Amino acid sequence: MKKQFAVIGLGRFGGSLVEEFSVLGIDVLAIDKNKERVEKYEQFATYAVHADALNETRLKEVGIKNMDHAIVSLGNDIEKSVLVTLLLKDLGINKVWTKAVNHYHRKVLEKIGADRVIHPEKDMAKRIAHHIISDKVIDYIELSEKHSIVEILASAKIHAQTIAELNVRAKYGCNIIGIQREGDIIVSPSAEEVVYSGDILIVIGENDDIQRFENGAV
C-alpha cells in the first residue's frame, strides 16, 4: 500500500520537500497558514491546504490521521513546532520528523517523542566539511553520532583488487555495501567482485573505522 506523507510548513525546506515528493511520484499533503505559500506549492502537492497546524479540528478535516508520515518544518517558531509535533503524535501519526533550529530545540523534540529530528543546515555542513577535507569522499550521510555511510572514490592504489583481497571488514572494521560504476550500482558486492580505479565505494561503519580505511587503503 502506497504511503502517504504530510509536510507542515512550506518555507524553503518544507517547500523543497514537497517538490521532491512530486518528482518521486509520492502522495503528499501540504499544509501552511500562509495562503501565498499554499498557492505556490499546490501544483506539486496531492492536496495543498491553507490551515493553522495547531487547529486540531482542521487537521482532522483534511485527513491528517490518514498520513503515515509527517514532516514538521515551521521555520524559527520553536514553540509552535514543539506543540505541533506533540499534537501529531497524540493524533496517532506513526512517524513524525521535525526540523530543529538549534541544539536546545533538538533536545526538546527528542524528549517529547519526535521520531527523528532534522537539522538540515548542520547535516549539510557536515557533508560539505567531509567533502572538502578529502578529495576521495564523494558524499557523506550521518547515521548516528558514531556511524555513517560514505561514498569514497577508489584510487589506483586498489585497482583490480577483489573485495576479498581488500578484506576491509577484518582490517578496518567497516563494510563495502555497494559499488557505483558508470551509472550502475552493484548492491552487496560478492567477495569475488573486482574494484577498479574510479569506482565509487559505498562504505558503512563507525566514523573512525571509515577514516582509517580512507587513509590507509584507498
Protein backbone atom coordinates (compact mmCIF):
# COMPACT_ATOMS: atom_id res chain seq x y z
CA MET A 1 0.00 0.00 0.00
CA LYS A 2 1.35 3.41 -1.01
CA LYS A 3 2.47 5.51 1.96
CA GLN A 4 1.06 8.99 2.43
CA PHE A 5 3.08 11.95 3.64
CA ALA A 6 2.25 15.34 5.11
CA VAL A 7 4.54 18.37 5.10
CA ILE A 8 3.58 21.06 7.60
CA GLY A 9 5.23 24.40 6.90
CA LEU A 10 6.02 25.39 3.32
CA GLY A 11 9.10 27.53 3.80
CA ARG A 12 12.28 26.88 1.85
CA PHE A 13 12.90 23.44 3.39
CA GLY A 14 9.30 22.22 3.54
CA GLY A 15 8.52 23.54 0.07
CA SER A 16 11.57 21.79 -1.38
CA LEU A 17 10.41 18.53 0.20
CA VAL A 18 7.00 18.86 -1.45
CA GLU A 19 8.64 19.47 -4.83
CA GLU A 20 10.89 16.44 -4.43
CA PHE A 21 7.98 14.22 -3.36
CA SER A 22 6.21 15.32 -6.54
CA VAL A 23 9.21 14.33 -8.67
CA LEU A 24 9.23 10.91 -6.97
CA GLY A 25 5.50 10.43 -7.56
CA ILE A 26 4.67 10.31 -3.84
CA ASP A 27 1.33 11.48 -2.43
CA VAL A 28 1.83 14.47 -0.16
CA LEU A 29 -0.50 16.68 1.86
CA ALA A 30 0.99 20.20 2.11
CA ILE A 31 -0.16 22.49 4.94
CA ASP A 32 0.68 26.10 5.74
CA LYS A 33 -1.16 29.02 7.34
CA ASN A 34 0.29 31.34 4.68
CA LYS A 35 -2.09 31.35 1.71
CA GLU A 36 0.56 32.50 -0.78
CA ARG A 37 2.83 29.58 0.11
CA VAL A 38 -0.05 27.15 -0.28
CA GLU A 39 -0.81 28.56 -3.73
CA LYS A 40 2.88 28.35 -4.66
CA TYR A 41 3.16 24.64 -3.90
CA GLU A 42 -0.32 23.38 -4.76
CA GLN A 43 0.92 22.40 -8.22
CA PHE A 44 3.33 19.93 -6.59
CA ALA A 45 1.19 18.60 -3.73
CA THR A 46 -1.52 15.98 -4.00
CA TYR A 47 -3.56 18.21 -1.70
CA ALA A 48 -2.50 21.68 -0.52
CA VAL A 49 -4.30 23.19 2.47
CA HIS A 50 -4.42 26.67 3.97
CA ALA A 51 -4.64 25.90 7.70
CA ASP A 52 -3.12 26.53 11.11
CA ALA A 53 -1.33 23.33 12.11
CA LEU A 54 -2.38 23.85 15.73
CA ASN A 55 -6.05 23.65 14.78
CA GLU A 56 -6.76 20.01 15.63
CA THR A 57 -10.26 20.06 14.16
CA ARG A 58 -8.98 21.43 10.85
CA LEU A 59 -6.18 18.87 10.71
CA LYS A 60 -8.69 16.07 11.19
CA GLU A 61 -10.91 17.54 8.47
CA VAL A 62 -8.10 17.43 5.90
CA GLY A 63 -7.26 13.81 6.77
CA ILE A 64 -4.08 14.16 8.79
CA LYS A 65 -4.88 10.93 10.65
CA ASN A 66 -4.61 9.04 7.35
CA MET A 67 -0.99 10.07 6.93
CA ASP A 68 1.78 7.53 7.61
CA HIS A 69 4.50 10.12 7.96
CA ALA A 70 4.52 13.84 8.79
CA ILE A 71 7.39 16.30 8.47
CA VAL A 72 7.15 19.48 10.54
CA SER A 73 9.09 22.47 9.21
CA LEU A 74 7.93 25.68 10.87
CA GLY A 75 10.92 27.97 10.48
CA ASN A 76 12.16 29.57 13.68
CA ASP A 77 8.88 29.16 15.59
CA ILE A 78 10.27 26.71 18.14
CA GLU A 79 7.24 26.72 20.42
CA LYS A 80 4.81 26.00 17.61
CA SER A 81 6.94 23.23 16.14
CA VAL A 82 7.05 21.53 19.55
CA LEU A 83 3.29 21.85 20.03
CA VAL A 84 2.52 20.62 16.50
CA THR A 85 4.83 17.63 17.00
CA LEU A 86 3.02 16.76 20.23
CA LEU A 87 -0.36 17.13 18.55
CA LEU A 88 0.60 14.86 15.64
CA LYS A 89 1.87 12.17 18.00
CA ASP A 90 -1.36 12.44 20.02
CA LEU A 91 -3.32 12.01 16.80
CA GLY A 92 -1.51 8.73 16.19
CA ILE A 93 0.76 9.65 13.28
CA ASN A 94 3.19 6.75 13.00
CA LYS A 95 6.30 8.77 12.20
CA VAL A 96 6.82 12.46 12.90
CA TRP A 97 10.04 14.10 11.76
CA THR A 98 10.61 17.69 12.88
CA LYS A 99 13.09 20.30 11.73
CA ALA A 100 15.14 21.79 14.57
CA VAL A 101 16.73 25.23 14.50
CA ASN A 102 19.29 24.72 17.27
CA HIS A 103 20.69 22.24 19.79
CA TYR A 104 18.16 23.09 22.52
CA HIS A 105 15.23 22.77 20.14
CA ARG A 106 16.57 19.38 19.11
CA LYS A 107 16.80 18.17 22.73
CA VAL A 108 13.19 19.20 23.44
CA LEU A 109 11.92 17.47 20.29
CA GLU A 110 13.73 14.26 21.21
CA LYS A 111 12.25 14.34 24.71
CA ILE A 112 8.66 14.79 23.52
CA GLY A 113 8.84 11.85 21.15
CA ALA A 114 9.73 13.15 17.68
CA ASP A 115 10.74 10.07 15.69
CA ARG A 116 13.56 11.97 14.03
CA VAL A 117 14.94 15.47 14.40
CA ILE A 118 16.11 17.10 11.18
CA HIS A 119 18.87 19.70 11.28
CA PRO A 120 19.42 20.45 7.56
CA GLU A 121 21.98 23.22 7.99
CA LYS A 122 24.09 21.12 10.37
CA ASP A 123 23.76 17.98 8.23
CA MET A 124 24.74 19.87 5.08
CA ALA A 125 27.68 21.49 6.89
CA LYS A 126 28.99 18.05 7.86
CA ARG A 127 28.64 16.76 4.31
CA ILE A 128 30.47 19.77 2.90
CA ALA A 129 33.21 19.54 5.52
CA HIS A 130 33.85 15.86 4.80
CA HIS A 131 33.88 16.56 1.06
CA ILE A 132 36.30 19.48 1.35
CA ILE A 133 38.91 17.80 3.56
CA SER A 134 39.28 14.78 1.28
CA ASP A 135 39.32 14.56 -2.49
CA LYS A 136 38.29 10.90 -2.11
CA VAL A 137 34.97 11.49 -0.31
CA ILE A 138 32.09 11.98 -2.75
CA ASP A 139 29.25 12.10 -0.23
CA TYR A 140 28.65 11.60 3.47
CA ILE A 141 25.49 10.63 5.37
CA GLU A 142 25.45 10.61 9.16
CA LEU A 143 23.51 7.69 10.66
CA SER A 144 24.30 8.48 14.29
CA GLU A 145 26.99 10.28 16.25
CA LYS A 146 29.39 7.40 15.59
CA HIS A 147 28.19 5.76 12.37
CA SER A 148 27.96 6.97 8.78
CA ILE A 149 27.59 5.91 5.17
CA VAL A 150 30.31 7.41 2.97
CA GLU A 151 30.89 7.32 -0.77
CA ILE A 152 34.64 7.03 -1.40
CA LEU A 153 36.40 7.24 -4.74
CA ALA A 154 38.60 4.21 -5.40
CA SER A 155 42.12 5.17 -6.44
CA ALA A 156 44.75 3.35 -8.48
CA LYS A 157 46.08 2.04 -5.16
CA ILE A 158 43.34 -0.61 -5.02
CA HIS A 159 42.75 -1.04 -8.76
CA ALA A 160 41.89 -4.60 -9.86
CA GLN A 161 41.66 -5.98 -6.31
CA THR A 162 38.70 -8.08 -5.23
CA ILE A 163 36.55 -7.36 -2.19
CA ALA A 164 38.12 -10.42 -0.56
CA GLU A 165 41.64 -9.14 -1.23
CA LEU A 166 40.82 -5.74 0.23
CA ASN A 167 39.48 -7.50 3.35
CA VAL A 168 38.02 -4.22 4.57
CA ARG A 169 35.94 -5.63 7.41
CA ALA A 170 38.84 -7.50 9.03
CA LYS A 171 41.41 -4.75 8.50
CA TYR A 172 39.33 -1.66 9.21
CA GLY A 173 36.03 -2.75 10.80
CA CYS A 174 33.77 -1.23 8.14
CA ASN A 175 31.89 -2.73 5.19
CA ILE A 176 31.60 -2.04 1.46
CA ILE A 177 27.85 -2.33 0.86
CA GLY A 178 27.81 -1.16 -2.73
CA ILE A 179 29.88 -0.10 -5.73
CA GLN A 180 28.81 2.60 -8.15
CA ARG A 181 30.32 2.16 -11.59
CA GLU A 182 29.44 4.08 -14.76
CA GLY A 183 25.95 4.90 -13.54
CA ASP A 184 25.17 1.40 -12.27
CA ILE A 185 25.16 0.29 -8.64
CA ILE A 186 26.30 -3.15 -7.51
CA VAL A 187 24.45 -3.83 -4.24
CA SER A 188 26.09 -6.10 -1.63
CA PRO A 189 29.05 -7.00 -3.87
CA SER A 190 30.36 -10.53 -3.55
CA ALA A 191 33.84 -11.37 -2.27
CA GLU A 192 34.91 -12.03 -5.87
CA GLU A 193 33.79 -8.63 -7.14
CA VAL A 194 36.73 -6.66 -8.57
CA VAL A 195 37.20 -2.99 -7.66
CA TYR A 196 38.55 -0.64 -10.31
CA SER A 197 40.11 2.79 -10.10
CA GLY A 198 37.31 5.35 -10.47
CA ASP A 199 34.68 3.18 -8.82
CA ILE A 200 32.69 4.81 -6.02
CA LEU A 201 32.67 2.59 -2.94
CA ILE A 202 29.66 2.88 -0.65
CA VAL A 203 31.03 2.19 2.83
CA ILE A 204 29.18 1.86 6.14
CA GLY A 205 30.66 1.72 9.62
CA GLU A 206 31.95 3.70 12.57
CA ASN A 207 33.39 7.06 11.59
CA ASP A 208 36.88 6.29 12.93
CA ASP A 209 36.98 2.98 11.05
CA ILE A 210 35.87 4.58 7.79
CA GLN A 211 38.52 7.26 8.14
CA ARG A 212 41.19 4.62 8.75
CA PHE A 213 40.06 2.80 5.60
CA GLU A 214 40.09 6.02 3.59
CA ASN A 215 43.57 6.97 4.81
CA GLY A 216 45.08 3.51 4.71
CA ALA A 217 43.57 1.73 1.75
CA VAL A 218 42.12 3.98 -0.91
